[in-house]
Amino acid sequence: MINFEICPMVSDSEMDEKGFVHWKSWQETYTQLMPDDYLKNLTLEKCVEMAHKFPQNTLLLKVDGKTVGFSCILKRDDVTEIVAIYLLKAYHGKKLGYELLKHTISAYCDNTKVVLWVLEGNDRAISFYKRFGFEYNGLEKQLPFGKELQMEYINND
């Protein structure tokens, strides 16, 4: 397995790296799933700005000191929402996404309902979440870039 670390995002340079991974992973993942105009408007600069504006509850996944993935959560009452979990395409299929998701749930989701939203048609992500223990719960929302489906973590421990 690849040598990696998962750590909280704390420095300005890490925020810059997270912004890059956010931008690049959207370009790699959503090219055929979202309108081109929407993706073109999500610039690297906007992603870096968002990383600096909302640094809380963010974990970075680093390989050889380089940020290649991240996750962010939002806690509300008794629900924890994983609002983002992304990994650069070059690191797919190496169990790193699994490790990041496992660490995110362990670090932030104690005794709460855990949910996330996934873009309809993103079959790779939906399959990944199902293998991890998430199930589609019937909730949907329409956004400018497409329909999202809510999945809920079913802890079978």
C-alpha atoms as a PDB file:
ATOM      1  CA  MET A   1       0.000   0.000   0.000  1.00  0.00           C
ATOM      2  CA  ILE A   2       1.053   3.574  -0.602  1.00  0.00           C
ATOM      3  CA  ASN A   3       2.583   5.482   2.301  1.00  0.00           C
ATOM      4  CA  PHE A   4       0.132   8.254   3.213  1.00  0.00           C
ATOM      5  CA  GLU A   5      -0.979  10.487   6.056  1.00  0.00           C
ATOM      6  CA  ILE A   6      -4.322  12.068   6.913  1.00  0.00           C
ATOM      7  CA  CYS A   7      -4.177  15.304   8.863  1.00  0.00           C
ATOM      8  CA  PRO A   8      -6.228  18.426   9.593  1.00  0.00           C
ATOM      9  CA  MET A   9      -5.744  21.342   7.202  1.00  0.00           C
ATOM     10  CA  VAL A  10      -4.057  24.176   9.088  1.00  0.00           C
ATOM     11  CA  SER A  11      -1.653  26.266   6.987  1.00  0.00           C
ATOM     12  CA  ASP A  12      -2.209  28.679   4.119  1.00  0.00           C
ATOM     13  CA  SER A  13      -0.137  26.476   1.811  1.00  0.00           C
ATOM     14  CA  GLU A  14      -2.320  23.478   2.704  1.00  0.00           C
ATOM     15  CA  MET A  15      -5.408  25.560   1.885  1.00  0.00           C
ATOM     16  CA  ASP A  16      -3.865  26.341  -1.506  1.00  0.00           C
ATOM     17  CA  GLU A  17      -3.202  22.623  -2.067  1.00  0.00           C
ATOM     18  CA  LYS A  18      -6.758  21.714  -1.042  1.00  0.00           C
ATOM     19  CA  GLY A  19      -8.084  24.329  -3.477  1.00  0.00           C
ATOM     20  CA  PHE A  20      -6.072  22.751  -6.282  1.00  0.00           C
ATOM     21  CA  VAL A  21      -7.312  19.224  -5.474  1.00  0.00           C
ATOM     22  CA  HIS A  22     -10.899  20.523  -5.334  1.00  0.00           C
ATOM     23  CA  TRP A  23     -10.586  22.188  -8.751  1.00  0.00           C
ATOM     24  CA  LYS A  24      -8.652  19.364 -10.441  1.00  0.00           C
ATOM     25  CA  SER A  25     -10.864  16.584  -9.107  1.00  0.00           C
ATOM     26  CA  TRP A  26     -13.995  18.364 -10.361  1.00  0.00           C
ATOM     27  CA  GLN A  27     -12.418  18.660 -13.809  1.00  0.00           C
ATOM     28  CA  GLU A  28     -11.488  14.958 -13.756  1.00  0.00           C
ATOM     29  CA  THR A  29     -14.749  13.667 -12.287  1.00  0.00           C
ATOM     30  CA  TYR A  30     -17.558  15.790 -13.666  1.00  0.00           C
ATOM     31  CA  THR A  31     -16.591  16.542 -17.289  1.00  0.00           C
ATOM     32  CA  GLN A  32     -19.296  14.253 -18.697  1.00  0.00           C
ATOM     33  CA  LEU A  33     -21.724  14.689 -15.769  1.00  0.00           C
ATOM     34  CA  MET A  34     -22.132  18.478 -15.505  1.00  0.00           C
ATOM     35  CA  PRO A  35     -22.718  21.280 -17.986  1.00  0.00           C
ATOM     36  CA  ASP A  36     -19.421  22.550 -19.439  1.00  0.00           C
ATOM     37  CA  ASP A  37     -20.293  26.160 -18.566  1.00  0.00           C
ATOM     38  CA  TYR A  38     -20.693  25.267 -14.905  1.00  0.00           C
ATOM     39  CA  LEU A  39     -17.302  23.549 -14.790  1.00  0.00           C
ATOM     40  CA  LYS A  40     -15.608  26.419 -16.643  1.00  0.00           C
ATOM     41  CA  ASN A  41     -16.908  28.848 -14.012  1.00  0.00           C
ATOM     42  CA  LEU A  42     -15.414  26.783 -11.189  1.00  0.00           C
ATOM     43  CA  THR A  43     -11.901  28.174 -11.488  1.00  0.00           C
ATOM     44  CA  LEU A  44      -8.792  27.246  -9.555  1.00  0.00           C
ATOM     45  CA  GLU A  45      -8.887  30.714  -7.984  1.00  0.00           C
ATOM     46  CA  LYS A  46     -12.455  30.190  -6.721  1.00  0.00           C
ATOM     47  CA  CYS A  47     -11.547  26.818  -5.221  1.00  0.00           C
ATOM     48  CA  VAL A  48      -8.494  28.244  -3.438  1.00  0.00           C
ATOM     49  CA  GLU A  49     -10.615  31.140  -2.161  1.00  0.00           C
ATOM     50  CA  MET A  50     -13.206  28.683  -0.788  1.00  0.00           C
ATOM     51  CA  ALA A  51     -10.469  26.665   0.938  1.00  0.00           C
ATOM     52  CA  HIS A  52      -9.268  29.796   2.735  1.00  0.00           C
ATOM     53  CA  LYS A  53     -12.787  30.986   3.547  1.00  0.00           C
ATOM     54  CA  PHE A  54     -13.993  27.629   4.952  1.00  0.00           C
ATOM     55  CA  PRO A  55     -10.963  25.832   6.467  1.00  0.00           C
ATOM     56  CA  GLN A  56     -12.779  24.203   9.395  1.00  0.00           C
ATOM     57  CA  ASN A  57     -13.434  20.468   9.664  1.00  0.00           C
ATOM     58  CA  THR A  58     -11.199  19.630   6.710  1.00  0.00           C
ATOM     59  CA  LEU A  59      -8.887  16.640   6.526  1.00  0.00           C
ATOM     60  CA  LEU A  60      -6.138  16.322   3.938  1.00  0.00           C
ATOM     61  CA  LEU A  61      -4.818  13.080   2.509  1.00  0.00           C
ATOM     62  CA  LYS A  62      -1.133  13.400   1.637  1.00  0.00           C
ATOM     63  CA  VAL A  63       1.145  11.060  -0.272  1.00  0.00           C
ATOM     64  CA  ASP A  64       4.857  11.846   0.068  1.00  0.00           C
ATOM     65  CA  GLY A  65       3.937  15.224   1.559  1.00  0.00           C
ATOM     66  CA  LYS A  66       1.726  16.189  -1.392  1.00  0.00           C
ATOM     67  CA  THR A  67      -2.008  16.763  -0.888  1.00  0.00           C
ATOM     68  CA  VAL A  68      -3.902  14.389  -3.189  1.00  0.00           C
ATOM     69  CA  GLY A  69      -7.303  14.286  -1.471  1.00  0.00           C
ATOM     70  CA  PHE A  70      -9.477  15.921   1.148  1.00  0.00           C
ATOM     71  CA  SER A  71     -12.727  15.665   3.034  1.00  0.00           C
ATOM     72  CA  CYS A  72     -14.903  18.309   4.717  1.00  0.00           C
ATOM     73  CA  ILE A  73     -17.800  17.875   7.116  1.00  0.00           C
ATOM     74  CA  LEU A  74     -20.611  20.003   8.501  1.00  0.00           C
ATOM     75  CA  LYS A  75     -22.219  19.138  11.843  1.00  0.00           C
ATOM     76  CA  ARG A  76     -25.825  20.082  12.528  1.00  0.00           C
ATOM     77  CA  ASP A  77     -27.512  18.869  15.697  1.00  0.00           C
ATOM     78  CA  ASP A  78     -27.509  15.070  15.423  1.00  0.00           C
ATOM     79  CA  VAL A  79     -26.480  14.907  11.749  1.00  0.00           C
ATOM     80  CA  THR A  80     -22.989  15.021  10.285  1.00  0.00           C
ATOM     81  CA  GLU A  81     -22.862  15.764   6.569  1.00  0.00           C
ATOM     82  CA  ILE A  82     -19.787  14.875   4.582  1.00  0.00           C
ATOM     83  CA  VAL A  83     -19.980  17.881   2.263  1.00  0.00           C
ATOM     84  CA  ALA A  84     -16.941  16.933   0.211  1.00  0.00           C
ATOM     85  CA  ILE A  85     -14.594  14.029  -0.281  1.00  0.00           C
ATOM     86  CA  TYR A  86     -12.299  14.145  -3.298  1.00  0.00           C
ATOM     87  CA  LEU A  87      -9.208  12.355  -4.482  1.00  0.00           C
ATOM     88  CA  LEU A  88      -7.120  13.102  -7.564  1.00  0.00           C
ATOM     89  CA  LYS A  89      -7.818  10.589 -10.338  1.00  0.00           C
ATOM     90  CA  ALA A  90      -4.228   9.278 -10.348  1.00  0.00           C
ATOM     91  CA  TYR A  91      -4.859   7.959  -6.828  1.00  0.00           C
ATOM     92  CA  HIS A  92      -8.182   6.186  -7.502  1.00  0.00           C
ATOM     93  CA  GLY A  93      -8.245   2.431  -6.988  1.00  0.00           C
ATOM     94  CA  LYS A  94      -5.479   2.444  -4.379  1.00  0.00           C
ATOM     95  CA  LYS A  95      -7.707   2.210  -1.245  1.00  0.00           C
ATOM     96  CA  LEU A  96      -6.859   5.821  -0.333  1.00  0.00           C
ATOM     97  CA  GLY A  97     -10.451   7.041  -0.705  1.00  0.00           C
ATOM     98  CA  TYR A  98     -11.558   4.253   1.612  1.00  0.00           C
ATOM     99  CA  GLU A  99      -8.946   5.281   4.194  1.00  0.00           C
ATOM    100  CA  LEU A 100      -9.946   8.945   3.935  1.00  0.00           C
ATOM    101  CA  LEU A 101     -13.643   8.167   4.353  1.00  0.00           C
ATOM    102  CA  LYS A 102     -12.954   5.796   7.265  1.00  0.00           C
ATOM    103  CA  HIS A 103     -10.806   8.422   8.992  1.00  0.00           C
ATOM    104  CA  THR A 104     -13.380  11.166   8.360  1.00  0.00           C
ATOM    105  CA  ILE A 105     -16.171   9.141   9.954  1.00  0.00           C
ATOM    106  CA  SER A 106     -13.952   8.120  12.858  1.00  0.00           C
ATOM    107  CA  ALA A 107     -12.726  11.682  13.513  1.00  0.00           C
ATOM    108  CA  TYR A 108     -15.953  13.634  13.108  1.00  0.00           C
ATOM    109  CA  CYS A 109     -19.047  11.465  13.126  1.00  0.00           C
ATOM    110  CA  ASP A 110     -19.336  10.126  16.648  1.00  0.00           C
ATOM    111  CA  ASN A 111     -22.871   9.010  17.501  1.00  0.00           C
ATOM    112  CA  THR A 112     -24.513  11.042  14.756  1.00  0.00           C
ATOM    113  CA  LYS A 113     -26.393  10.189  11.620  1.00  0.00           C
ATOM    114  CA  VAL A 114     -23.923  10.512   8.716  1.00  0.00           C
ATOM    115  CA  VAL A 115     -25.107  11.626   5.283  1.00  0.00           C
ATOM    116  CA  LEU A 116     -23.615  12.827   2.026  1.00  0.00           C
ATOM    117  CA  TRP A 117     -24.899  13.974  -1.354  1.00  0.00           C
ATOM    118  CA  VAL A 118     -23.729  12.414  -4.609  1.00  0.00           C
ATOM    119  CA  LEU A 119     -24.409  13.550  -8.159  1.00  0.00           C
ATOM    120  CA  GLU A 120     -26.868  11.301  -9.983  1.00  0.00           C
ATOM    121  CA  GLY A 121     -24.945   9.472 -12.694  1.00  0.00           C
ATOM    122  CA  ASN A 122     -21.681   9.448 -10.753  1.00  0.00           C
ATOM    123  CA  ASP A 123     -21.790   5.664 -10.705  1.00  0.00           C
ATOM    124  CA  ARG A 124     -18.194   5.224  -9.536  1.00  0.00           C
ATOM    125  CA  ALA A 125     -18.834   7.312  -6.396  1.00  0.00           C
ATOM    126  CA  ILE A 126     -22.223   5.727  -5.722  1.00  0.00           C
ATOM    127  CA  SER A 127     -20.686   2.254  -5.933  1.00  0.00           C
ATOM    128  CA  PHE A 128     -17.821   3.306  -3.640  1.00  0.00           C
ATOM    129  CA  TYR A 129     -20.225   4.677  -1.019  1.00  0.00           C
ATOM    130  CA  LYS A 130     -22.396   1.549  -1.178  1.00  0.00           C
ATOM    131  CA  ARG A 131     -19.366  -0.689  -0.638  1.00  0.00           C
ATOM    132  CA  PHE A 132     -18.464   1.422   2.393  1.00  0.00           C
ATOM    133  CA  GLY A 133     -21.941   1.051   3.921  1.00  0.00           C
ATOM    134  CA  PHE A 134     -23.942   4.007   2.634  1.00  0.00           C
ATOM    135  CA  GLU A 135     -27.441   3.543   1.239  1.00  0.00           C
ATOM    136  CA  TYR A 136     -29.609   5.862  -0.839  1.00  0.00           C
ATOM    137  CA  ASN A 137     -32.325   7.172   1.506  1.00  0.00           C
ATOM    138  CA  GLY A 138     -34.734   8.573  -1.104  1.00  0.00           C
ATOM    139  CA  LEU A 139     -33.910  12.272  -0.644  1.00  0.00           C
ATOM    140  CA  GLU A 140     -32.982  14.268  -3.738  1.00  0.00           C
ATOM    141  CA  LYS A 141     -32.262  17.883  -4.579  1.00  0.00           C
ATOM    142  CA  GLN A 142     -31.994  19.649  -7.907  1.00  0.00           C
ATOM    143  CA  LEU A 143     -29.024  21.992  -8.283  1.00  0.00           C
ATOM    144  CA  PRO A 144     -27.876  24.116 -11.239  1.00  0.00           C
ATOM    145  CA  PHE A 145     -25.398  21.403 -12.262  1.00  0.00           C
ATOM    146  CA  GLY A 146     -27.667  18.367 -11.817  1.00  0.00           C
ATOM    147  CA  LYS A 147     -29.619  16.231  -9.381  1.00  0.00           C
ATOM    148  CA  GLU A 148     -28.005  15.030  -6.180  1.00  0.00           C
ATOM    149  CA  LEU A 149     -29.025  11.970  -4.201  1.00  0.00           C
ATOM    150  CA  GLN A 150     -28.594  11.699  -0.444  1.00  0.00           C
ATOM    151  CA  MET A 151     -26.926   8.597   0.951  1.00  0.00           C
ATOM    152  CA  GLU A 152     -26.875   7.657   4.623  1.00  0.00           C
ATOM    153  CA  TYR A 153     -24.218   5.638   6.410  1.00  0.00           C
ATOM    154  CA  ILE A 154     -25.599   2.422   7.880  1.00  0.00           C
ATOM    155  CA  ASN A 155     -23.175   1.340  10.585  1.00  0.00           C
ATOM    156  CA  ASN A 156     -23.398  -2.426  10.905  1.00  0.00           C
ATOM    157  CA  ASP A 157     -20.980  -2.712  13.846  1.00  0.00           C
END
